[in-house]
Amino acid sequence: MSPDPRLLYSDQLSSVEKLFRNQPFDDAITRQTVGHLLLGAFSEDYYAAKLNLKAFEAEIKDVISRITTLTRLHGRDGHPLTQEWIDQEYARLQRDLDGLNKQIETIEAQVFSAQFEDRLSLNDQQDTYARVQSLQAEIGQAREELDYLELEASDSDEFIASLTKKLDALHESKMVVDELNALSFEFCPACFAPVEGTTVQGACSLCKQASDKSQVKERALRLINEYARQRQSSFDLQTGRRKRISDLKAKLTKLTELWEQAGRHYTVSLRSPTTELRTKLRSLNREAGYAQRELEELAGRKSVIAELQEAQQQRDDLQKKIDGVKAIIETSEKRDRNQISQARRSIELEVLDFLRRDLERQSTFMNADSVNFDFDGDRINVNGESFFSASSMVYLRNSFIASFAVAAANQSSFSHPRFLLMDTVEDKGMEPERSRNFQRLLHEKSSAAVSENQMIIATSMIAPELDIPEITVGEFYTHENRTLRISSVE
């Protein structure tokens, strides 16, 4: 992988809030890898492992979802959907069916031999009517429980939505409090007079009254934790409730079908007189039909078993691949941890020097103690703050890009090419003197670097002492002296 020019070149079209130049279809893994490459901690295996890990995790998620769906749709009564279970169930049903067929043969022989002694009976009507009543009672109980659970689930959904709104509001409140805590006024917002400092620890920069900001944050965090706990508990209950609702709906469907069958059987029994033996024979034939249908369903499940086994094997293979790339990533990160830490610290110190030696335009820069930057998150902050005026954001971003090049020019462990091209030193309303101050600092650091480097900036307000042939390249272009000259051809 070659060095990414987005950290070597700063243009005016890129966002001042981001470290990298804008690029379509950018992703966090690529940004982090580019950053680590320039810091001197990169291996092709590590980058490939990061990309593969993302792809493998997405793939195994789909495979696990497919396994879950197959198991839920084709499993039965909690039994594992395996070839062993299918074979055992098939053998059991076949034995049952063979036994039923033998009983049917015996009853048929009895019916034939005792056709004049086999008396009419109402037992079939009575049994069928009792069956209809029993199934109707079960349907009523299941429907009553289902209605109750659906009502509870609806109430729980509203409760969870209410907790989510409260959590969102609390998070927003906490963010506002954090930002206000970090806010300091240099000028009064009412009369624009300079605001004097205060010696009271933790006092407001405007009214000078002391306040315990930690108590406000603590109360907010306590409420956030409580609402989050309640919401998670509700989620857990709702999951069990949804599962029970799904089971009840399936049970109702089955009971309704059985009730309809029993009703049809009862209607037939009312119209057709029967005998004890014929009633027994009819019952055995029904049982044999059910067993035969179950055998046919099991035969259809064999293809599902094959698909499930293939998915499970795919899941296991993907898990092995994930474990492998995670081991590569862990090994690489452990090996490069010291280099990354030292390189980041070198850049931070250079940025802090740029900020502290800036003109007195941003109090946070003058009092800068720490600079944190994330390549994958594409952001930077000073003392935990990341929101400044547009010109200060430009100065901060320029300081970071320049500090990267300066730190690399002073340490051979960097993979940075010791090159910088910057077209943003006077962007977003940057005042001339502030831009010239940055130019002087950059020239000073570039000249004092221990290794050869090239740092190019474009500016229309160059510092006078730098406007000499040994430093400047090209002419000073104006409206009259344009960069593109077009002359007419006679």
Protein backbone atom coordinates (compact mmCIF):
# COMPACT_ATOMS: atom_id res chain seq x y z
CA MET A 1 0.00 0.00 0.00
CA SER A 2 1.39 3.39 -0.99
CA PRO A 3 1.08 6.42 1.33
CA ASP A 4 -2.33 8.05 1.05
CA PRO A 5 -2.00 11.60 -0.31
CA ARG A 6 -4.94 12.72 1.81
CA LEU A 7 -2.59 13.16 4.79
CA LEU A 8 0.17 14.70 2.64
CA TYR A 9 -1.99 17.25 0.84
CA SER A 10 -4.47 19.69 2.33
CA ASP A 11 -6.88 21.41 -0.05
CA GLN A 12 -9.54 24.07 0.40
CA LEU A 13 -12.48 21.82 -0.52
CA SER A 14 -11.96 19.37 2.34
CA SER A 15 -13.86 19.70 5.61
CA VAL A 16 -11.86 21.49 8.32
CA GLU A 17 -13.40 19.16 10.94
CA LYS A 18 -11.77 16.05 9.44
CA LEU A 19 -8.16 14.88 9.23
CA PHE A 20 -8.38 13.25 5.81
CA ARG A 21 -9.18 14.79 2.48
CA ASN A 22 -12.65 13.88 1.29
CA GLN A 23 -12.85 10.68 -0.74
CA PRO A 24 -15.89 8.70 -1.99
CA PHE A 25 -16.59 5.30 -0.39
CA ASP A 26 -14.14 5.95 2.44
CA ASP A 27 -14.19 3.61 5.45
CA ALA A 28 -12.71 3.52 8.94
CA ILE A 29 -10.48 0.50 8.30
CA THR A 30 -8.75 2.17 5.35
CA ARG A 31 -8.25 5.44 7.26
CA GLN A 32 -6.78 3.64 10.28
CA THR A 33 -4.50 1.54 8.07
CA VAL A 34 -3.25 4.61 6.19
CA GLY A 35 -2.55 6.34 9.51
CA HIS A 36 -0.64 3.37 10.88
CA LEU A 37 1.28 3.05 7.62
CA LEU A 38 2.51 6.64 7.87
CA LEU A 39 3.30 6.14 11.56
CA GLY A 40 5.64 3.32 10.57
CA ALA A 41 3.47 0.45 11.82
CA PHE A 42 1.96 -1.37 8.88
CA SER A 43 1.92 -4.83 7.37
CA GLU A 44 0.00 -6.08 4.36
CA ASP A 45 -1.19 -9.07 6.41
CA TYR A 46 -2.67 -6.78 9.07
CA TYR A 47 -4.63 -4.69 6.54
CA ALA A 48 -5.89 -7.81 4.73
CA ALA A 49 -6.88 -9.35 8.08
CA LYS A 50 -8.90 -6.26 9.06
CA LEU A 51 -10.78 -6.30 5.75
CA ASN A 52 -11.31 -10.06 5.90
CA LEU A 53 -12.54 -9.87 9.49
CA LYS A 54 -15.26 -7.41 8.49
CA ALA A 55 -16.30 -9.59 5.52
CA PHE A 56 -16.20 -12.86 7.51
CA GLU A 57 -18.26 -11.42 10.38
CA ALA A 58 -20.93 -10.17 7.96
CA GLU A 59 -20.98 -13.57 6.22
CA ILE A 60 -21.19 -15.63 9.43
CA LYS A 61 -24.03 -13.42 10.64
CA ASP A 62 -26.04 -14.34 7.53
CA VAL A 63 -25.19 -18.04 7.91
CA ILE A 64 -26.24 -18.11 11.58
CA SER A 65 -29.48 -16.36 10.65
CA ARG A 66 -30.14 -19.04 8.01
CA ILE A 67 -29.43 -21.83 10.54
CA THR A 68 -31.82 -20.23 13.04
CA THR A 69 -34.55 -19.90 10.43
CA LEU A 70 -34.21 -23.52 9.25
CA THR A 71 -34.25 -24.82 12.83
CA ARG A 72 -37.28 -22.74 13.78
CA LEU A 73 -39.31 -23.63 10.68
CA HIS A 74 -38.51 -27.32 10.51
CA GLY A 75 -37.75 -28.30 14.10
CA ARG A 76 -40.35 -30.04 16.21
CA ASP A 77 -41.15 -29.85 19.92
CA GLY A 78 -37.63 -28.75 20.83
CA HIS A 79 -35.96 -31.79 19.22
CA PRO A 80 -32.63 -31.14 17.51
CA LEU A 81 -32.91 -31.10 13.72
CA THR A 82 -30.25 -33.77 13.02
CA GLN A 83 -29.99 -36.81 10.78
CA GLU A 84 -29.82 -39.07 13.85
CA TRP A 85 -33.12 -37.68 15.18
CA ILE A 86 -34.75 -38.00 11.76
CA ASP A 87 -33.68 -41.66 11.52
CA GLN A 88 -34.89 -42.45 15.06
CA GLU A 89 -38.20 -40.66 14.50
CA TYR A 90 -38.70 -42.37 11.16
CA ALA A 91 -38.08 -45.82 12.72
CA ARG A 92 -40.52 -45.06 15.58
CA LEU A 93 -43.27 -43.89 13.25
CA GLN A 94 -42.76 -46.90 10.99
CA ARG A 95 -43.12 -49.23 13.98
CA ASP A 96 -46.29 -47.41 15.06
CA LEU A 97 -47.71 -47.60 11.55
CA ASP A 98 -46.94 -51.33 11.29
CA GLY A 99 -48.69 -51.92 14.63
CA LEU A 100 -51.74 -49.92 13.51
CA ASN A 101 -51.94 -51.84 10.23
CA LYS A 102 -51.91 -55.16 12.12
CA GLN A 103 -54.73 -53.91 14.37
CA ILE A 104 -56.69 -52.79 11.31
CA GLU A 105 -56.30 -56.23 9.73
CA THR A 106 -57.52 -57.87 12.93
CA ILE A 107 -60.57 -55.58 13.25
CA GLU A 108 -61.46 -56.03 9.56
CA ALA A 109 -61.41 -59.82 10.04
CA GLN A 110 -63.64 -59.45 13.09
CA VAL A 111 -66.07 -57.21 11.20
CA PHE A 112 -66.33 -59.76 8.41
CA SER A 113 -66.82 -62.74 10.74
CA ALA A 114 -69.24 -61.00 13.17
CA GLN A 115 -71.22 -58.82 10.79
CA PHE A 116 -74.54 -60.17 12.07
CA GLU A 117 -73.57 -59.92 15.74
CA ASP A 118 -71.92 -56.45 15.65
CA ARG A 119 -74.63 -54.19 17.06
CA LEU A 120 -75.17 -50.50 16.38
CA SER A 121 -73.63 -48.07 18.91
CA LEU A 122 -73.77 -44.37 19.79
CA ASN A 123 -70.31 -44.44 21.37
CA ASP A 124 -68.70 -42.87 18.30
CA GLN A 125 -71.11 -39.93 18.39
CA GLN A 126 -70.57 -39.42 22.12
CA ASP A 127 -66.77 -39.66 21.87
CA THR A 128 -66.64 -37.30 18.90
CA TYR A 129 -68.92 -34.78 20.62
CA ALA A 130 -66.70 -34.89 23.75
CA ARG A 131 -63.68 -34.34 21.51
CA VAL A 132 -65.27 -31.26 19.92
CA GLN A 133 -66.12 -29.85 23.36
CA SER A 134 -62.60 -30.48 24.69
CA LEU A 135 -60.93 -28.83 21.70
CA GLN A 136 -63.29 -25.86 21.89
CA ALA A 137 -62.37 -25.34 25.55
CA GLU A 138 -58.65 -25.49 24.70
CA ILE A 139 -59.13 -22.96 21.88
CA GLY A 140 -60.93 -20.60 24.26
CA GLN A 141 -58.16 -20.82 26.87
CA ALA A 142 -55.40 -20.32 24.28
CA ARG A 143 -57.20 -17.35 22.72
CA GLU A 144 -57.76 -15.75 26.12
CA GLU A 145 -54.07 -16.11 27.00
CA LEU A 146 -53.05 -14.78 23.58
CA ASP A 147 -55.24 -11.67 23.92
CA TYR A 148 -53.79 -11.02 27.38
CA LEU A 149 -50.18 -11.37 26.19
CA GLU A 150 -50.73 -9.18 23.10
CA LEU A 151 -52.21 -6.46 25.31
CA GLU A 152 -49.22 -6.71 27.68
CA ALA A 153 -46.82 -6.62 24.72
CA SER A 154 -48.49 -3.49 23.36
CA ASP A 155 -48.23 -1.77 26.75
CA SER A 156 -44.58 -2.85 27.03
CA ASP A 157 -43.79 -1.42 23.57
CA GLU A 158 -45.15 1.96 24.66
CA PHE A 159 -43.18 1.78 27.92
CA ILE A 160 -39.94 0.93 26.05
CA ALA A 161 -40.55 3.77 23.58
CA SER A 162 -41.07 6.16 26.52
CA LEU A 163 -37.82 5.00 28.18
CA THR A 164 -35.95 5.38 24.88
CA LYS A 165 -37.17 8.97 24.53
CA LYS A 166 -36.09 9.72 28.09
CA LEU A 167 -32.65 8.17 27.47
CA ASP A 168 -32.20 10.19 24.27
CA ALA A 169 -33.18 13.36 26.10
CA LEU A 170 -30.79 12.59 28.97
CA HIS A 171 -27.91 11.88 26.57
CA GLU A 172 -28.59 15.17 24.81
CA SER A 173 -28.77 16.97 28.15
CA LYS A 174 -25.46 15.43 29.21
CA MET A 175 -23.83 16.53 25.95
CA VAL A 176 -25.14 20.06 26.44
CA VAL A 177 -23.85 20.12 30.02
CA ASP A 178 -20.45 18.86 28.87
CA GLU A 179 -20.23 21.52 26.19
CA LEU A 180 -21.37 24.28 28.55
CA ASN A 181 -18.85 23.13 31.17
CA ALA A 182 -16.08 23.53 28.62
CA LEU A 183 -17.39 26.89 27.42
CA SER A 184 -15.40 29.92 28.54
CA PHE A 185 -16.08 33.52 27.63
CA GLU A 186 -13.32 35.91 26.65
CA PHE A 187 -15.82 38.70 25.98
CA CYS A 188 -19.14 39.46 27.59
CA PRO A 189 -21.98 38.39 25.22
CA ALA A 190 -24.04 41.43 26.27
CA CYS A 191 -21.58 44.36 26.09
CA PHE A 192 -18.50 42.71 24.46
CA ALA A 193 -16.21 43.94 27.22
CA PRO A 194 -13.23 41.67 28.06
CA VAL A 195 -14.06 39.15 30.78
CA GLU A 196 -11.55 38.93 33.62
CA GLY A 197 -10.40 35.56 34.91
CA THR A 198 -11.28 34.17 38.32
CA THR A 199 -9.22 32.36 40.94
CA VAL A 200 -12.17 30.33 42.24
CA GLN A 201 -11.77 26.68 41.23
CA GLY A 202 -14.59 25.53 38.95
CA ALA A 203 -16.24 28.95 38.85
CA CYS A 204 -18.22 30.14 35.83
CA SER A 205 -16.03 32.22 33.51
CA LEU A 206 -18.83 34.80 33.15
CA CYS A 207 -20.58 35.24 36.51
CA LYS A 208 -17.65 33.95 38.64
CA GLN A 209 -20.02 31.88 40.81
CA ALA A 210 -18.70 28.49 41.95
CA SER A 211 -20.67 25.43 40.88
CA ASP A 212 -20.18 21.70 41.28
CA LYS A 213 -20.53 20.48 37.70
CA SER A 214 -19.69 16.92 38.72
CA GLN A 215 -22.96 16.63 40.68
CA VAL A 216 -24.99 17.57 37.59
CA LYS A 217 -23.17 14.97 35.49
CA GLU A 218 -23.49 12.38 38.26
CA ARG A 219 -27.27 12.87 38.48
CA ALA A 220 -27.58 12.60 34.71
CA LEU A 221 -25.49 9.42 34.61
CA ARG A 222 -27.46 7.90 37.47
CA LEU A 223 -30.74 8.50 35.63
CA ILE A 224 -29.26 7.18 32.37
CA ASN A 225 -28.12 3.98 34.08
CA GLU A 226 -31.48 3.48 35.78
CA TYR A 227 -33.53 4.01 32.61
CA ALA A 228 -31.14 1.83 30.62
CA ARG A 229 -31.52 -0.97 33.19
CA GLN A 230 -35.32 -0.68 33.10
CA ARG A 231 -35.35 -0.71 29.30
CA GLN A 232 -33.08 -3.77 29.09
CA SER A 233 -35.26 -5.58 31.60
CA SER A 234 -38.32 -4.70 29.51
CA PHE A 235 -36.55 -5.92 26.36
CA ASP A 236 -35.82 -9.26 28.05
CA LEU A 237 -39.43 -9.67 29.19
CA GLN A 238 -40.71 -8.65 25.77
CA THR A 239 -38.53 -11.28 24.07
CA GLY A 240 -40.07 -14.06 26.18
CA ARG A 241 -43.52 -12.59 25.62
CA ARG A 242 -43.07 -12.52 21.84
CA LYS A 243 -41.91 -16.12 21.87
CA ARG A 244 -44.96 -17.19 23.88
CA ILE A 245 -47.27 -15.24 21.52
CA SER A 246 -45.72 -16.99 18.53
CA ASP A 247 -46.14 -20.40 20.19
CA LEU A 248 -49.77 -19.66 21.09
CA LYS A 249 -50.61 -18.61 17.53
CA ALA A 250 -49.13 -21.86 16.22
CA LYS A 251 -51.06 -23.80 18.88
CA LEU A 252 -54.31 -22.02 17.96
CA THR A 253 -53.82 -22.87 14.29
CA LYS A 254 -53.30 -26.53 15.14
CA LEU A 255 -56.22 -26.67 17.61
CA THR A 256 -58.53 -24.97 15.12
CA GLU A 257 -57.64 -27.52 12.46
CA LEU A 258 -58.23 -30.41 14.87
CA TRP A 259 -61.55 -28.86 15.98
CA GLU A 260 -62.70 -28.56 12.37
CA GLN A 261 -61.75 -32.19 11.71
CA ALA A 262 -63.58 -33.32 14.85
CA GLY A 263 -66.62 -31.30 13.79
CA ARG A 264 -66.70 -32.94 10.38
CA HIS A 265 -66.31 -36.36 12.01
CA TYR A 266 -69.19 -35.60 14.39
CA THR A 267 -71.42 -34.53 11.52
CA VAL A 268 -70.70 -37.78 9.68
CA SER A 269 -71.32 -39.84 12.82
CA LEU A 270 -74.74 -38.23 13.26
CA ARG A 271 -75.79 -39.15 9.74
CA SER A 272 -74.24 -42.61 9.52
CA PRO A 273 -75.08 -45.28 12.09
CA THR A 274 -72.11 -47.42 13.05
CA THR A 275 -71.08 -50.32 15.21
CA GLU A 276 -68.44 -50.76 17.88
CA LEU A 277 -66.06 -52.60 15.57
CA ARG A 278 -66.54 -50.16 12.70
CA THR A 279 -65.97 -47.23 15.08
CA LYS A 280 -62.75 -48.83 16.26
CA LEU A 281 -61.71 -49.48 12.67
CA ARG A 282 -62.40 -45.90 11.66
CA SER A 283 -60.33 -44.59 14.58
CA LEU A 284 -57.40 -46.87 13.67
CA ASN A 285 -57.53 -45.74 10.05
CA ARG A 286 -57.36 -42.10 11.16
CA GLU A 287 -54.33 -42.84 13.36
CA ALA A 288 -52.66 -44.70 10.51
CA GLY A 289 -53.31 -41.71 8.22
CA TYR A 290 -51.69 -39.33 10.71
CA ALA A 291 -48.66 -41.62 11.04
CA GLN A 292 -48.32 -41.88 7.25
CA ARG A 293 -48.47 -38.10 6.89
CA GLU A 294 -45.77 -37.67 9.56
CA LEU A 295 -43.56 -40.12 7.69
CA GLU A 296 -43.99 -38.06 4.51
CA GLU A 297 -43.11 -34.87 6.40
CA LEU A 298 -39.96 -36.50 7.78
CA ALA A 299 -38.95 -37.52 4.25
CA GLY A 300 -39.23 -33.88 3.22
CA ARG A 301 -37.07 -32.85 6.16
CA LYS A 302 -34.12 -34.85 4.86
CA SER A 303 -33.31 -32.16 2.30
CA VAL A 304 -33.57 -29.56 5.07
CA ILE A 305 -31.11 -31.61 7.14
CA ALA A 306 -28.62 -31.56 4.26
CA GLU A 307 -29.01 -27.79 3.87
CA LEU A 308 -28.67 -27.28 7.63
CA GLN A 309 -25.52 -29.42 7.83
CA GLU A 310 -24.00 -27.47 4.95
CA ALA A 311 -24.80 -24.17 6.71
CA GLN A 312 -23.35 -25.43 10.00
CA GLN A 313 -20.16 -26.53 8.25
CA GLN A 314 -19.95 -23.12 6.59
CA ARG A 315 -20.42 -21.47 9.99
CA ASP A 316 -17.63 -23.56 11.53
CA ASP A 317 -15.28 -22.79 8.62
CA LEU A 318 -16.00 -19.07 8.89
CA GLN A 319 -15.42 -19.15 12.65
CA LYS A 320 -12.00 -20.72 12.07
CA LYS A 321 -11.20 -17.99 9.56
CA ILE A 322 -12.36 -15.30 12.01
CA ASP A 323 -10.20 -16.78 14.77
CA GLY A 324 -7.24 -16.82 12.35
CA VAL A 325 -7.52 -13.20 11.23
CA LYS A 326 -8.12 -12.07 14.82
CA ALA A 327 -4.87 -13.77 15.81
CA ILE A 328 -3.05 -11.93 12.99
CA ILE A 329 -4.59 -8.61 14.06
CA GLU A 330 -3.74 -9.18 17.73
CA THR A 331 -0.16 -10.15 16.91
CA SER A 332 0.34 -7.15 14.62
CA GLU A 333 -1.17 -4.71 17.10
CA LYS A 334 0.95 -6.08 19.92
CA ARG A 335 4.08 -5.82 17.77
CA ASP A 336 3.35 -2.27 16.59
CA ARG A 337 1.87 -0.88 19.82
CA ASN A 338 5.09 0.83 20.99
CA GLN A 339 5.82 2.34 17.58
CA ILE A 340 2.29 3.71 17.25
CA SER A 341 2.34 5.12 20.78
CA GLN A 342 5.73 6.82 20.34
CA ALA A 343 4.86 8.19 16.90
CA ARG A 344 1.50 9.56 18.09
CA ARG A 345 3.21 11.22 21.05
CA SER A 346 5.77 12.86 18.76
CA ILE A 347 2.98 14.26 16.58
CA GLU A 348 1.04 15.43 19.64
CA LEU A 349 4.04 17.37 20.98
CA GLU A 350 4.53 19.10 17.62
CA VAL A 351 0.84 20.02 17.43
CA LEU A 352 0.91 21.38 20.99
CA ASP A 353 3.89 23.57 20.05
CA PHE A 354 2.04 24.93 17.01
CA LEU A 355 -1.05 25.68 19.12
CA ARG A 356 0.73 27.30 22.05
CA ARG A 357 2.74 29.54 19.70
CA ASP A 358 -0.36 30.61 17.79
CA LEU A 359 -1.53 34.23 18.13
CA GLU A 360 -3.83 34.78 21.11
CA ARG A 361 -7.03 33.99 19.24
CA GLN A 362 -8.17 30.79 20.95
CA SER A 363 -7.74 30.36 24.71
CA THR A 364 -7.90 26.55 24.45
CA PHE A 365 -4.88 26.60 22.11
CA MET A 366 -2.90 28.78 24.47
CA ASN A 367 -3.63 26.41 27.37
CA ALA A 368 -3.42 23.19 25.36
CA ASP A 369 -2.30 20.18 27.43
CA SER A 370 -3.37 17.28 25.21
CA VAL A 371 -4.22 16.60 21.59
CA ASN A 372 -6.09 13.43 20.66
CA PHE A 373 -6.68 12.27 17.10
CA ASP A 374 -8.38 9.21 15.63
CA PHE A 375 -7.61 8.02 12.12
CA ASP A 376 -10.60 5.69 11.93
CA GLY A 377 -12.95 8.30 13.41
CA ASP A 378 -11.36 11.03 11.25
CA ARG A 379 -11.38 13.62 14.06
CA ILE A 380 -9.12 15.60 16.40
CA ASN A 381 -9.66 17.43 19.69
CA VAL A 382 -7.69 19.66 22.03
CA ASN A 383 -8.15 19.20 25.79
CA GLY A 384 -11.27 17.18 24.89
CA GLU A 385 -12.77 20.03 22.84
CA SER A 386 -13.45 19.72 19.14
CA PHE A 387 -15.57 22.79 18.31
CA PHE A 388 -13.81 26.05 17.54
CA SER A 389 -14.20 28.97 15.16
CA ALA A 390 -13.74 28.22 11.46
CA SER A 391 -10.32 29.87 11.29
CA SER A 392 -9.17 28.04 14.44
CA MET A 393 -10.37 24.74 12.99
CA VAL A 394 -8.27 25.47 9.90
CA TYR A 395 -5.27 26.31 12.08
CA LEU A 396 -5.73 23.09 14.10
CA ARG A 397 -6.01 20.88 11.02
CA ASN A 398 -3.02 22.57 9.36
CA SER A 399 -1.04 22.12 12.57
CA PHE A 400 -1.82 18.41 12.62
CA ILE A 401 -0.92 17.84 8.95
CA ALA A 402 2.29 19.85 9.36
CA SER A 403 3.19 18.18 12.68
CA PHE A 404 2.87 14.76 11.05
CA ALA A 405 5.44 15.75 8.43
CA VAL A 406 7.74 17.45 10.98
CA ALA A 407 7.65 14.50 13.40
CA ALA A 408 8.45 12.13 10.52
CA ALA A 409 11.34 14.33 9.40
CA ASN A 410 12.83 14.00 12.88
CA GLN A 411 12.37 10.22 13.34
CA SER A 412 13.48 7.54 10.90
CA SER A 413 10.87 5.04 12.16
CA PHE A 414 8.04 6.86 10.35
CA SER A 415 6.99 5.70 6.87
CA HIS A 416 5.83 9.22 6.03
CA PRO A 417 7.62 10.45 2.85
CA ARG A 418 8.64 13.75 4.55
CA PHE A 419 6.60 15.69 2.03
CA LEU A 420 3.76 18.18 2.53
CA LEU A 421 1.63 20.22 0.12
CA MET A 422 -0.77 22.66 1.76
CA ASP A 423 -3.28 25.02 0.15
CA THR A 424 -5.24 25.97 3.27
CA VAL A 425 -3.02 28.26 5.34
CA GLU A 426 -5.35 31.23 4.77
CA ASP A 427 -8.66 29.41 4.47
CA LYS A 428 -11.94 30.22 6.28
CA GLY A 429 -11.20 33.83 7.17
CA MET A 430 -7.65 33.29 8.44
CA GLU A 431 -6.21 36.75 9.20
CA PRO A 432 -2.90 37.60 7.49
CA GLU A 433 -0.74 37.86 10.63
CA ARG A 434 -1.98 34.56 11.98
CA SER A 435 -1.19 32.89 8.66
CA ARG A 436 2.29 34.45 8.57
CA ASN A 437 2.95 33.25 12.11
CA PHE A 438 2.10 29.70 11.05
CA GLN A 439 4.39 30.05 8.02
CA ARG A 440 7.29 31.12 10.23
CA LEU A 441 6.74 28.19 12.61
CA LEU A 442 6.57 25.71 9.72
CA HIS A 443 9.74 27.11 8.13
CA GLU A 444 11.52 26.98 11.47
CA LYS A 445 10.57 23.35 12.10
CA SER A 446 11.31 22.25 8.53
CA SER A 447 14.74 23.89 8.60
CA ALA A 448 15.61 22.37 11.98
CA ALA A 449 14.50 18.83 11.07
CA VAL A 450 17.22 16.17 11.16
CA SER A 451 16.33 14.69 7.75
CA GLU A 452 15.72 16.22 4.35
CA ASN A 453 12.12 17.22 3.74
CA GLN A 454 9.96 19.25 1.40
CA MET A 455 7.03 21.32 2.65
CA ILE A 456 5.15 23.39 0.08
CA ILE A 457 2.44 25.91 0.92
CA ALA A 458 0.37 28.18 -1.31
CA THR A 459 -0.36 31.65 0.07
CA SER A 460 -1.21 35.13 -1.09
CA MET A 461 -0.04 36.73 2.18
CA ILE A 462 3.48 35.42 2.67
CA ALA A 463 5.58 36.54 5.63
CA PRO A 464 8.03 39.24 4.34
CA GLU A 465 11.17 37.51 5.69
CA LEU A 466 10.19 34.32 3.83
CA ASP A 467 9.64 36.06 0.51
CA ILE A 468 13.16 35.38 -0.75
CA PRO A 469 14.39 33.33 -3.76
CA GLU A 470 15.88 30.61 -1.55
CA ILE A 471 12.41 29.78 -0.18
CA THR A 472 9.72 30.91 -2.64
CA VAL A 473 8.97 29.23 -5.95
CA GLY A 474 7.26 30.95 -8.88
CA GLU A 475 5.78 34.39 -9.20
CA PHE A 476 3.29 36.28 -7.06
CA TYR A 477 0.10 36.06 -9.07
CA THR A 478 -2.52 38.83 -9.11
CA HIS A 479 -5.57 39.72 -11.17
CA GLU A 480 -3.33 41.35 -13.70
CA ASN A 481 -0.58 38.69 -13.51
CA ARG A 482 -2.61 35.50 -13.92
CA THR A 483 -1.32 31.95 -13.69
CA LEU A 484 -2.78 31.15 -17.11
CA ARG A 485 -1.72 33.49 -19.91
CA ILE A 486 -3.60 33.34 -23.19
CA SER A 487 -2.28 35.41 -26.04
CA SER A 488 -4.04 35.95 -29.33
CA VAL A 489 -2.54 34.43 -32.43
CA GLU A 490 -2.39 36.77 -35.43
